[in-house]
Amino acid sequence: MPEMRFVIAWPDGREETCYSPSLVIRDFFEEGQTYPIRDFLDRSRKALTIASDRVEAKYGYPCSLARGQLARIEEAGSLFLADVDARVRCENFIL
């Protein structure tokens, strides 16, 4: 199963490299695009859940790395939920 990483920039400018066990991330994000924080979190939930489900379908168990990445994104993203103008930028994909 092809895995990938994707680099994001949080609203405060911090960059973070994230992990996905599947290329499905490219169906939810586009390089160079910014997303309102709530939209970004929703897209992340959907994409990483699909990615984990694909691992489970293939190997019989969900992907703990995808679940951990989602937890990290949700934790970090929660810091910006009060700011209605907060946006996350998808910098690039690393295959």
C-alpha atoms as a PDB file:
ATOM      1  CA  MET A   1       0.000   0.000   0.000  1.00  0.00           C
ATOM      2  CA  PRO A   2       1.589   3.306  -1.025  1.00  0.00           C
ATOM      3  CA  GLU A   3       2.091   5.661   1.871  1.00  0.00           C
ATOM      4  CA  MET A   4       2.778   9.353   1.716  1.00  0.00           C
ATOM      5  CA  ARG A   5       3.503  12.389   3.786  1.00  0.00           C
ATOM      6  CA  PHE A   6       2.016  15.830   3.402  1.00  0.00           C
ATOM      7  CA  VAL A   7       3.341  19.117   4.728  1.00  0.00           C
ATOM      8  CA  ILE A   8       0.930  21.612   6.209  1.00  0.00           C
ATOM      9  CA  ALA A   9       1.316  25.108   7.622  1.00  0.00           C
ATOM     10  CA  TRP A  10      -0.792  25.906  10.658  1.00  0.00           C
ATOM     11  CA  PRO A  11      -2.360  29.372  11.037  1.00  0.00           C
ATOM     12  CA  ASP A  12       0.548  30.467  13.258  1.00  0.00           C
ATOM     13  CA  GLY A  13       3.042  29.584  10.496  1.00  0.00           C
ATOM     14  CA  ARG A  14       4.387  26.384  12.041  1.00  0.00           C
ATOM     15  CA  GLU A  15       4.934  23.677   9.468  1.00  0.00           C
ATOM     16  CA  GLU A  16       4.242  20.040  10.201  1.00  0.00           C
ATOM     17  CA  THR A  17       4.848  16.912   8.173  1.00  0.00           C
ATOM     18  CA  CYS A  18       1.922  14.513   8.449  1.00  0.00           C
ATOM     19  CA  TYR A  19       1.599  10.825   7.561  1.00  0.00           C
ATOM     20  CA  SER A  20      -0.980   8.859   5.611  1.00  0.00           C
ATOM     21  CA  PRO A  21      -0.816   5.141   4.784  1.00  0.00           C
ATOM     22  CA  SER A  22      -2.694   5.867   1.554  1.00  0.00           C
ATOM     23  CA  LEU A  23      -2.606   8.339  -1.320  1.00  0.00           C
ATOM     24  CA  VAL A  24      -6.255   9.211  -0.571  1.00  0.00           C
ATOM     25  CA  ILE A  25      -5.021  12.463   0.988  1.00  0.00           C
ATOM     26  CA  ARG A  26      -4.671  13.825  -2.541  1.00  0.00           C
ATOM     27  CA  ASP A  27      -8.436  13.428  -2.993  1.00  0.00           C
ATOM     28  CA  PHE A  28      -9.053  15.776  -0.065  1.00  0.00           C
ATOM     29  CA  PHE A  29      -6.242  18.337  -0.277  1.00  0.00           C
ATOM     30  CA  GLU A  30      -4.455  20.214  -3.008  1.00  0.00           C
ATOM     31  CA  GLU A  31      -0.901  21.506  -2.868  1.00  0.00           C
ATOM     32  CA  GLY A  32      -0.779  25.251  -2.311  1.00  0.00           C
ATOM     33  CA  GLN A  33      -4.418  25.525  -1.187  1.00  0.00           C
ATOM     34  CA  THR A  34      -5.572  26.903   2.137  1.00  0.00           C
ATOM     35  CA  TYR A  35      -8.550  25.608   4.082  1.00  0.00           C
ATOM     36  CA  PRO A  36     -10.559  27.127   6.926  1.00  0.00           C
ATOM     37  CA  ILE A  37      -9.599  25.311  10.117  1.00  0.00           C
ATOM     38  CA  ARG A  38     -12.916  23.492  10.563  1.00  0.00           C
ATOM     39  CA  ASP A  39     -12.916  22.385   6.920  1.00  0.00           C
ATOM     40  CA  PHE A  40      -9.320  21.226   7.238  1.00  0.00           C
ATOM     41  CA  LEU A  41     -10.137  19.166  10.328  1.00  0.00           C
ATOM     42  CA  ASP A  42     -13.199  17.643   8.649  1.00  0.00           C
ATOM     43  CA  ARG A  43     -11.227  16.742   5.516  1.00  0.00           C
ATOM     44  CA  SER A  44      -8.444  15.264   7.649  1.00  0.00           C
ATOM     45  CA  ARG A  45     -10.936  13.101   9.568  1.00  0.00           C
ATOM     46  CA  LYS A  46     -12.479  11.777   6.378  1.00  0.00           C
ATOM     47  CA  ALA A  47      -9.193  11.177   4.547  1.00  0.00           C
ATOM     48  CA  LEU A  48      -7.332   9.514   7.404  1.00  0.00           C
ATOM     49  CA  THR A  49     -10.348   7.368   8.300  1.00  0.00           C
ATOM     50  CA  ILE A  50     -10.545   6.138   4.707  1.00  0.00           C
ATOM     51  CA  ALA A  51      -6.792   5.518   4.731  1.00  0.00           C
ATOM     52  CA  SER A  52      -7.021   3.516   7.960  1.00  0.00           C
ATOM     53  CA  ASP A  53     -10.014   1.576   6.618  1.00  0.00           C
ATOM     54  CA  ARG A  54      -8.023   0.650   3.510  1.00  0.00           C
ATOM     55  CA  VAL A  55      -5.263  -0.758   5.697  1.00  0.00           C
ATOM     56  CA  GLU A  56      -7.852  -2.714   7.674  1.00  0.00           C
ATOM     57  CA  ALA A  57      -9.398  -4.114   4.482  1.00  0.00           C
ATOM     58  CA  LYS A  58      -5.990  -5.267   3.285  1.00  0.00           C
ATOM     59  CA  TYR A  59      -4.318  -6.415   6.512  1.00  0.00           C
ATOM     60  CA  GLY A  60      -7.208  -7.069   8.890  1.00  0.00           C
ATOM     61  CA  TYR A  61      -6.502  -4.244  11.349  1.00  0.00           C
ATOM     62  CA  PRO A  62      -6.802  -0.445  11.202  1.00  0.00           C
ATOM     63  CA  CYS A  63      -3.744   1.752  10.843  1.00  0.00           C
ATOM     64  CA  SER A  64      -2.616   3.019  14.229  1.00  0.00           C
ATOM     65  CA  LEU A  65      -0.300   5.547  12.557  1.00  0.00           C
ATOM     66  CA  ALA A  66      -3.195   7.110  10.660  1.00  0.00           C
ATOM     67  CA  ARG A  67      -5.289   7.245  13.815  1.00  0.00           C
ATOM     68  CA  GLY A  68      -2.382   8.767  15.721  1.00  0.00           C
ATOM     69  CA  GLN A  69      -1.831  11.347  12.995  1.00  0.00           C
ATOM     70  CA  LEU A  70      -5.498  12.298  13.089  1.00  0.00           C
ATOM     71  CA  ALA A  71      -5.360  12.696  16.867  1.00  0.00           C
ATOM     72  CA  ARG A  72      -2.314  14.949  16.493  1.00  0.00           C
ATOM     73  CA  ILE A  73      -4.038  17.069  13.816  1.00  0.00           C
ATOM     74  CA  GLU A  74      -7.183  17.406  15.926  1.00  0.00           C
ATOM     75  CA  GLU A  75      -5.192  18.358  19.021  1.00  0.00           C
ATOM     76  CA  ALA A  76      -3.112  20.968  17.200  1.00  0.00           C
ATOM     77  CA  GLY A  77      -6.107  22.255  15.261  1.00  0.00           C
ATOM     78  CA  SER A  78      -8.190  22.741  18.392  1.00  0.00           C
ATOM     79  CA  LEU A  79      -5.914  25.647  19.338  1.00  0.00           C
ATOM     80  CA  PHE A  80      -7.240  27.652  16.378  1.00  0.00           C
ATOM     81  CA  LEU A  81     -10.971  26.873  16.495  1.00  0.00           C
ATOM     82  CA  ALA A  82     -11.854  30.167  18.196  1.00  0.00           C
ATOM     83  CA  ASP A  83     -10.345  32.136  15.298  1.00  0.00           C
ATOM     84  CA  VAL A  84     -12.936  32.181  12.500  1.00  0.00           C
ATOM     85  CA  ASP A  85     -10.278  33.392  10.046  1.00  0.00           C
ATOM     86  CA  ALA A  86      -7.768  30.613  10.851  1.00  0.00           C
ATOM     87  CA  ARG A  87      -6.641  28.717   7.761  1.00  0.00           C
ATOM     88  CA  VAL A  88      -4.340  25.748   7.198  1.00  0.00           C
ATOM     89  CA  ARG A  89      -2.224  25.552   4.062  1.00  0.00           C
ATOM     90  CA  CYS A  90      -1.349  22.283   2.344  1.00  0.00           C
ATOM     91  CA  GLU A  91       2.223  22.989   1.318  1.00  0.00           C
ATOM     92  CA  ASN A  92       3.127  19.837  -0.583  1.00  0.00           C
ATOM     93  CA  PHE A  93       2.947  16.063  -0.843  1.00  0.00           C
ATOM     94  CA  ILE A  94       5.934  13.794  -0.317  1.00  0.00           C
ATOM     95  CA  LEU A  95       5.660  10.380  -1.951  1.00  0.00           C
END
